Amino acid sequence: MSDPPRYVLPSMTDAAAVLRRLARAGWRTREGFAVTEPGWDLMDARLVLFGRVPDAETVRLAVLAAARGAGVVAIVDPTGDVGRALVDDLARLGPVRQDPDREPEPDPESVLARLVPEQRALLERLADGETIASAAAAEFLSLRTANRRIAQARQALGVRTTREAVLAYLRQRRRAE
């Protein structure tokens, strides 16, 4: 799975735009950086914590949440002392975005790695022009299972339709080659 989102933004307006986009992509958003979820690893929870970062203690909480796998959308002046400290600490964990309008480029290998072999095989057959029913039969799957695998692939690729999933799969596969 790719890195969770990490944003350091100067205003709530910028943060709201990013949070809307993340929510549409299936992330749960919650205000505040204190992590109340049990267990250490939050990657599978698809949780994004957001809020203002006024001091070093909040920096510590935000970085801890990011280290546990939560996404972070921090509202702070990135040129101030607190903002620079936050950006530096988060950058040790992975990429930090400071532009709310720029969509991050997904790593093609990580996108394809989110798909199980059955999903890749079905998408490959659909890309070759087969119907879902014929692709399911060729892969020795029931139609219902094939539809579920394709729905899971759509979710993993962040798209709404099967056509979009096939196109996204082909794009990512080309980038990874």
C-alpha atoms as a PDB file:
ATOM      1  CA  MET A   1       0.000   0.000   0.000  1.00  0.00           C
ATOM      2  CA  SER A   2       1.254   3.516  -0.725  1.00  0.00           C
ATOM      3  CA  ASP A   3       2.128   6.093   1.901  1.00  0.00           C
ATOM      4  CA  PRO A   4      -0.814   7.692   3.684  1.00  0.00           C
ATOM      5  CA  PRO A   5      -1.425  11.334   2.742  1.00  0.00           C
ATOM      6  CA  ARG A   6       0.613  13.958   4.606  1.00  0.00           C
ATOM      7  CA  TYR A   7      -0.238  17.614   4.009  1.00  0.00           C
ATOM      8  CA  VAL A   8       1.013  20.769   5.691  1.00  0.00           C
ATOM      9  CA  LEU A   9      -1.172  23.656   4.565  1.00  0.00           C
ATOM     10  CA  PRO A  10      -1.462  27.325   5.563  1.00  0.00           C
ATOM     11  CA  SER A  11      -5.268  27.642   5.745  1.00  0.00           C
ATOM     12  CA  MET A  12      -8.446  25.785   6.604  1.00  0.00           C
ATOM     13  CA  THR A  13      -9.741  26.535   3.097  1.00  0.00           C
ATOM     14  CA  ASP A  14      -6.848  24.580   1.578  1.00  0.00           C
ATOM     15  CA  ALA A  15      -7.303  21.789   4.131  1.00  0.00           C
ATOM     16  CA  ALA A  16     -11.045  21.535   3.424  1.00  0.00           C
ATOM     17  CA  ALA A  17     -10.385  20.991  -0.291  1.00  0.00           C
ATOM     18  CA  VAL A  18      -7.863  18.243   0.463  1.00  0.00           C
ATOM     19  CA  LEU A  19     -10.155  16.601   3.048  1.00  0.00           C
ATOM     20  CA  ARG A  20     -13.068  16.516   0.582  1.00  0.00           C
ATOM     21  CA  ARG A  21     -10.844  14.857  -2.014  1.00  0.00           C
ATOM     22  CA  LEU A  22      -9.557  12.297   0.510  1.00  0.00           C
ATOM     23  CA  ALA A  23     -13.089  11.514   1.732  1.00  0.00           C
ATOM     24  CA  ARG A  24     -14.181  10.859  -1.859  1.00  0.00           C
ATOM     25  CA  ALA A  25     -11.225   8.468  -2.175  1.00  0.00           C
ATOM     26  CA  GLY A  26     -12.457   6.464   0.814  1.00  0.00           C
ATOM     27  CA  TRP A  27     -10.473   7.986   3.699  1.00  0.00           C
ATOM     28  CA  ARG A  28     -12.226   8.622   7.031  1.00  0.00           C
ATOM     29  CA  THR A  29     -11.467  12.081   8.415  1.00  0.00           C
ATOM     30  CA  ARG A  30     -11.367  13.133  12.041  1.00  0.00           C
ATOM     31  CA  GLU A  31     -10.384  16.400  13.673  1.00  0.00           C
ATOM     32  CA  GLY A  32      -7.510  16.317  16.162  1.00  0.00           C
ATOM     33  CA  PHE A  33      -4.256  14.390  16.216  1.00  0.00           C
ATOM     34  CA  ALA A  34      -4.725  12.253  19.327  1.00  0.00           C
ATOM     35  CA  VAL A  35      -5.050   8.637  18.222  1.00  0.00           C
ATOM     36  CA  THR A  36      -7.653   6.660  20.150  1.00  0.00           C
ATOM     37  CA  GLU A  37      -7.735   3.536  17.964  1.00  0.00           C
ATOM     38  CA  PRO A  38      -6.416   0.341  19.538  1.00  0.00           C
ATOM     39  CA  GLY A  39      -3.441  -1.322  17.936  1.00  0.00           C
ATOM     40  CA  TRP A  40      -0.387   0.371  16.560  1.00  0.00           C
ATOM     41  CA  ASP A  41      -0.773   0.071  12.777  1.00  0.00           C
ATOM     42  CA  LEU A  42      -3.446   2.365  11.315  1.00  0.00           C
ATOM     43  CA  MET A  43      -2.647   1.850   7.616  1.00  0.00           C
ATOM     44  CA  ASP A  44      -5.693  -0.350   6.978  1.00  0.00           C
ATOM     45  CA  ALA A  45      -8.002   2.023   8.872  1.00  0.00           C
ATOM     46  CA  ARG A  46      -7.623   4.669   6.108  1.00  0.00           C
ATOM     47  CA  LEU A  47      -7.863   7.377   8.748  1.00  0.00           C
ATOM     48  CA  VAL A  48      -6.856  11.004   8.168  1.00  0.00           C
ATOM     49  CA  LEU A  49      -6.455  13.282  11.173  1.00  0.00           C
ATOM     50  CA  PHE A  50      -6.596  17.027  10.669  1.00  0.00           C
ATOM     51  CA  GLY A  51      -6.417  20.287  12.569  1.00  0.00           C
ATOM     52  CA  ARG A  52      -4.370  23.315  13.492  1.00  0.00           C
ATOM     53  CA  VAL A  53      -0.833  22.803  14.779  1.00  0.00           C
ATOM     54  CA  PRO A  54      -0.053  25.682  17.148  1.00  0.00           C
ATOM     55  CA  ASP A  55       2.803  24.212  19.202  1.00  0.00           C
ATOM     56  CA  ALA A  56       5.478  21.538  19.597  1.00  0.00           C
ATOM     57  CA  GLU A  57       3.152  19.202  21.523  1.00  0.00           C
ATOM     58  CA  THR A  58       0.698  19.135  18.609  1.00  0.00           C
ATOM     59  CA  VAL A  59       3.630  18.533  16.238  1.00  0.00           C
ATOM     60  CA  ARG A  60       4.529  15.506  18.371  1.00  0.00           C
ATOM     61  CA  LEU A  61       0.956  14.162  18.228  1.00  0.00           C
ATOM     62  CA  ALA A  62       0.700  14.668  14.450  1.00  0.00           C
ATOM     63  CA  VAL A  63       4.035  12.941  13.793  1.00  0.00           C
ATOM     64  CA  LEU A  64       3.114  10.038  16.081  1.00  0.00           C
ATOM     65  CA  ALA A  65      -0.190   9.600  14.235  1.00  0.00           C
ATOM     66  CA  ALA A  66       1.656   9.638  10.885  1.00  0.00           C
ATOM     67  CA  ALA A  67       4.206   7.123  12.182  1.00  0.00           C
ATOM     68  CA  ARG A  68       1.331   4.803  13.085  1.00  0.00           C
ATOM     69  CA  GLY A  69       0.002   4.997   9.516  1.00  0.00           C
ATOM     70  CA  ALA A  70      -2.677   7.674   9.768  1.00  0.00           C
ATOM     71  CA  GLY A  71      -2.901  10.393   7.169  1.00  0.00           C
ATOM     72  CA  VAL A  72      -2.282  13.944   8.392  1.00  0.00           C
ATOM     73  CA  VAL A  73      -3.639  17.265   7.160  1.00  0.00           C
ATOM     74  CA  ALA A  74      -1.999  19.927   9.320  1.00  0.00           C
ATOM     75  CA  ILE A  75      -2.946  23.589   9.247  1.00  0.00           C
ATOM     76  CA  VAL A  76       0.094  25.689  10.101  1.00  0.00           C
ATOM     77  CA  ASP A  77       2.308  28.305   8.485  1.00  0.00           C
ATOM     78  CA  PRO A  78       4.948  26.081   6.861  1.00  0.00           C
ATOM     79  CA  THR A  79       7.526  28.893   7.000  1.00  0.00           C
ATOM     80  CA  GLY A  80       7.237  29.418  10.774  1.00  0.00           C
ATOM     81  CA  ASP A  81       9.264  27.503  13.365  1.00  0.00           C
ATOM     82  CA  VAL A  82       6.431  25.093  14.221  1.00  0.00           C
ATOM     83  CA  GLY A  83       5.590  24.528  10.544  1.00  0.00           C
ATOM     84  CA  ARG A  84       9.209  23.862   9.573  1.00  0.00           C
ATOM     85  CA  ALA A  85       9.612  21.435  12.472  1.00  0.00           C
ATOM     86  CA  LEU A  86       6.439  19.589  11.410  1.00  0.00           C
ATOM     87  CA  VAL A  87       7.475  19.381   7.753  1.00  0.00           C
ATOM     88  CA  ASP A  88      10.961  18.149   8.722  1.00  0.00           C
ATOM     89  CA  ASP A  89       9.613  15.462  11.065  1.00  0.00           C
ATOM     90  CA  LEU A  90       6.913  14.265   8.660  1.00  0.00           C
ATOM     91  CA  ALA A  91       9.411  14.178   5.775  1.00  0.00           C
ATOM     92  CA  ARG A  92      11.358  11.510   7.662  1.00  0.00           C
ATOM     93  CA  LEU A  93       8.307   9.246   7.241  1.00  0.00           C
ATOM     94  CA  GLY A  94       7.641   9.953   3.567  1.00  0.00           C
ATOM     95  CA  PRO A  95       6.518  12.654   1.142  1.00  0.00           C
ATOM     96  CA  VAL A  96       4.868  15.778   2.563  1.00  0.00           C
ATOM     97  CA  ARG A  97       2.644  17.808   0.262  1.00  0.00           C
ATOM     98  CA  GLN A  98       2.228  21.544   0.660  1.00  0.00           C
ATOM     99  CA  ASP A  99       0.132  22.235  -2.445  1.00  0.00           C
ATOM    100  CA  PRO A 100      -3.579  21.437  -1.949  1.00  0.00           C
ATOM    101  CA  ASP A 101      -4.395  21.575  -5.666  1.00  0.00           C
ATOM    102  CA  ARG A 102      -1.800  19.134  -6.909  1.00  0.00           C
ATOM    103  CA  GLU A 103      -2.915  15.525  -6.912  1.00  0.00           C
ATOM    104  CA  PRO A 104      -0.101  13.228  -5.847  1.00  0.00           C
ATOM    105  CA  GLU A 105       1.168  10.916  -8.560  1.00  0.00           C
ATOM    106  CA  PRO A 106       0.567   7.370  -7.403  1.00  0.00           C
ATOM    107  CA  ASP A 107       3.505   5.014  -7.480  1.00  0.00           C
ATOM    108  CA  PRO A 108       2.546   2.578 -10.263  1.00  0.00           C
ATOM    109  CA  GLU A 109       4.083  -0.430  -8.537  1.00  0.00           C
ATOM    110  CA  SER A 110       2.264   0.275  -5.276  1.00  0.00           C
ATOM    111  CA  VAL A 111      -1.058   0.708  -7.110  1.00  0.00           C
ATOM    112  CA  LEU A 112      -0.641  -2.609  -8.887  1.00  0.00           C
ATOM    113  CA  ALA A 113       0.530  -4.265  -5.668  1.00  0.00           C
ATOM    114  CA  ARG A 114      -2.862  -3.439  -4.116  1.00  0.00           C
ATOM    115  CA  LEU A 115      -4.501  -5.790  -6.619  1.00  0.00           C
ATOM    116  CA  VAL A 116      -4.540  -9.523  -6.008  1.00  0.00           C
ATOM    117  CA  PRO A 117      -3.631 -11.790  -8.946  1.00  0.00           C
ATOM    118  CA  GLU A 118      -7.310 -12.654  -9.613  1.00  0.00           C
ATOM    119  CA  GLN A 119      -8.144  -8.957  -9.938  1.00  0.00           C
ATOM    120  CA  ARG A 120      -5.225  -8.335 -12.297  1.00  0.00           C
ATOM    121  CA  ALA A 121      -6.192 -11.354 -14.426  1.00  0.00           C
ATOM    122  CA  LEU A 122      -9.812 -10.206 -14.681  1.00  0.00           C
ATOM    123  CA  LEU A 123      -8.805  -6.632 -15.567  1.00  0.00           C
ATOM    124  CA  GLU A 124      -6.349  -7.964 -18.145  1.00  0.00           C
ATOM    125  CA  ARG A 125      -9.093 -10.031 -19.793  1.00  0.00           C
ATOM    126  CA  LEU A 126     -11.527  -7.100 -19.720  1.00  0.00           C
ATOM    127  CA  ALA A 127      -8.846  -4.941 -21.346  1.00  0.00           C
ATOM    128  CA  ASP A 128      -8.623  -7.556 -24.113  1.00  0.00           C
ATOM    129  CA  GLY A 129     -12.353  -7.081 -24.775  1.00  0.00           C
ATOM    130  CA  GLU A 130     -13.818 -10.036 -22.923  1.00  0.00           C
ATOM    131  CA  THR A 131     -17.067  -9.711 -21.000  1.00  0.00           C
ATOM    132  CA  ILE A 132     -17.083 -10.155 -17.236  1.00  0.00           C
ATOM    133  CA  ALA A 133     -18.887 -13.483 -17.670  1.00  0.00           C
ATOM    134  CA  SER A 134     -16.317 -14.859 -20.125  1.00  0.00           C
ATOM    135  CA  ALA A 135     -13.418 -13.532 -18.047  1.00  0.00           C
ATOM    136  CA  ALA A 136     -14.901 -15.191 -14.951  1.00  0.00           C
ATOM    137  CA  ALA A 137     -15.288 -18.512 -16.767  1.00  0.00           C
ATOM    138  CA  ALA A 138     -11.726 -18.337 -18.127  1.00  0.00           C
ATOM    139  CA  GLU A 139     -10.398 -17.686 -14.604  1.00  0.00           C
ATOM    140  CA  PHE A 140     -12.584 -20.475 -13.126  1.00  0.00           C
ATOM    141  CA  LEU A 141     -14.578 -18.023 -11.005  1.00  0.00           C
ATOM    142  CA  SER A 142     -18.302 -17.662 -10.551  1.00  0.00           C
ATOM    143  CA  LEU A 143     -19.802 -14.523 -12.054  1.00  0.00           C
ATOM    144  CA  ARG A 144     -20.646 -13.294  -8.560  1.00  0.00           C
ATOM    145  CA  THR A 145     -17.048 -13.745  -7.349  1.00  0.00           C
ATOM    146  CA  ALA A 146     -15.707 -12.042 -10.472  1.00  0.00           C
ATOM    147  CA  ASN A 147     -18.015  -9.067  -9.899  1.00  0.00           C
ATOM    148  CA  ARG A 148     -16.849  -8.846  -6.275  1.00  0.00           C
ATOM    149  CA  ARG A 149     -13.170  -8.998  -7.309  1.00  0.00           C
ATOM    150  CA  ILE A 150     -13.742  -6.266  -9.880  1.00  0.00           C
ATOM    151  CA  ALA A 151     -15.580  -4.112  -7.312  1.00  0.00           C
ATOM    152  CA  GLN A 152     -12.613  -4.539  -4.944  1.00  0.00           C
ATOM    153  CA  ALA A 153     -10.249  -3.590  -7.781  1.00  0.00           C
ATOM    154  CA  ARG A 154     -12.297  -0.452  -8.479  1.00  0.00           C
ATOM    155  CA  GLN A 155     -11.993   0.521  -4.827  1.00  0.00           C
ATOM    156  CA  ALA A 156      -8.240  -0.190  -4.746  1.00  0.00           C
ATOM    157  CA  LEU A 157      -7.736   1.888  -7.886  1.00  0.00           C
ATOM    158  CA  GLY A 158      -9.952   4.701  -6.604  1.00  0.00           C
ATOM    159  CA  VAL A 159     -12.405   4.690  -9.509  1.00  0.00           C
ATOM    160  CA  ARG A 160     -16.172   4.260  -9.813  1.00  0.00           C
ATOM    161  CA  THR A 161     -16.741   2.230 -12.950  1.00  0.00           C
ATOM    162  CA  THR A 162     -15.296  -0.980 -14.335  1.00  0.00           C
ATOM    163  CA  ARG A 163     -14.265   0.845 -17.500  1.00  0.00           C
ATOM    164  CA  GLU A 164     -12.305   3.358 -15.412  1.00  0.00           C
ATOM    165  CA  ALA A 165     -10.739   0.458 -13.484  1.00  0.00           C
ATOM    166  CA  VAL A 166      -9.544  -1.195 -16.691  1.00  0.00           C
ATOM    167  CA  LEU A 167      -8.108   2.089 -17.976  1.00  0.00           C
ATOM    168  CA  ALA A 168      -6.420   2.868 -14.636  1.00  0.00           C
ATOM    169  CA  TYR A 169      -4.985  -0.648 -14.505  1.00  0.00           C
ATOM    170  CA  LEU A 170      -3.562  -0.341 -18.026  1.00  0.00           C
ATOM    171  CA  ARG A 171      -2.086   3.099 -17.283  1.00  0.00           C
ATOM    172  CA  GLN A 172      -0.432   1.901 -14.097  1.00  0.00           C
ATOM    173  CA  ARG A 173       0.854  -1.255 -15.754  1.00  0.00           C
ATOM    174  CA  ARG A 174       2.473   0.795 -18.545  1.00  0.00           C
ATOM    175  CA  ARG A 175       4.127   3.099 -15.990  1.00  0.00           C
ATOM    176  CA  ALA A 176       5.481   0.144 -14.026  1.00  0.00           C
ATOM    177  CA  GLU A 177       7.032  -1.509 -17.125  1.00  0.00           C
END
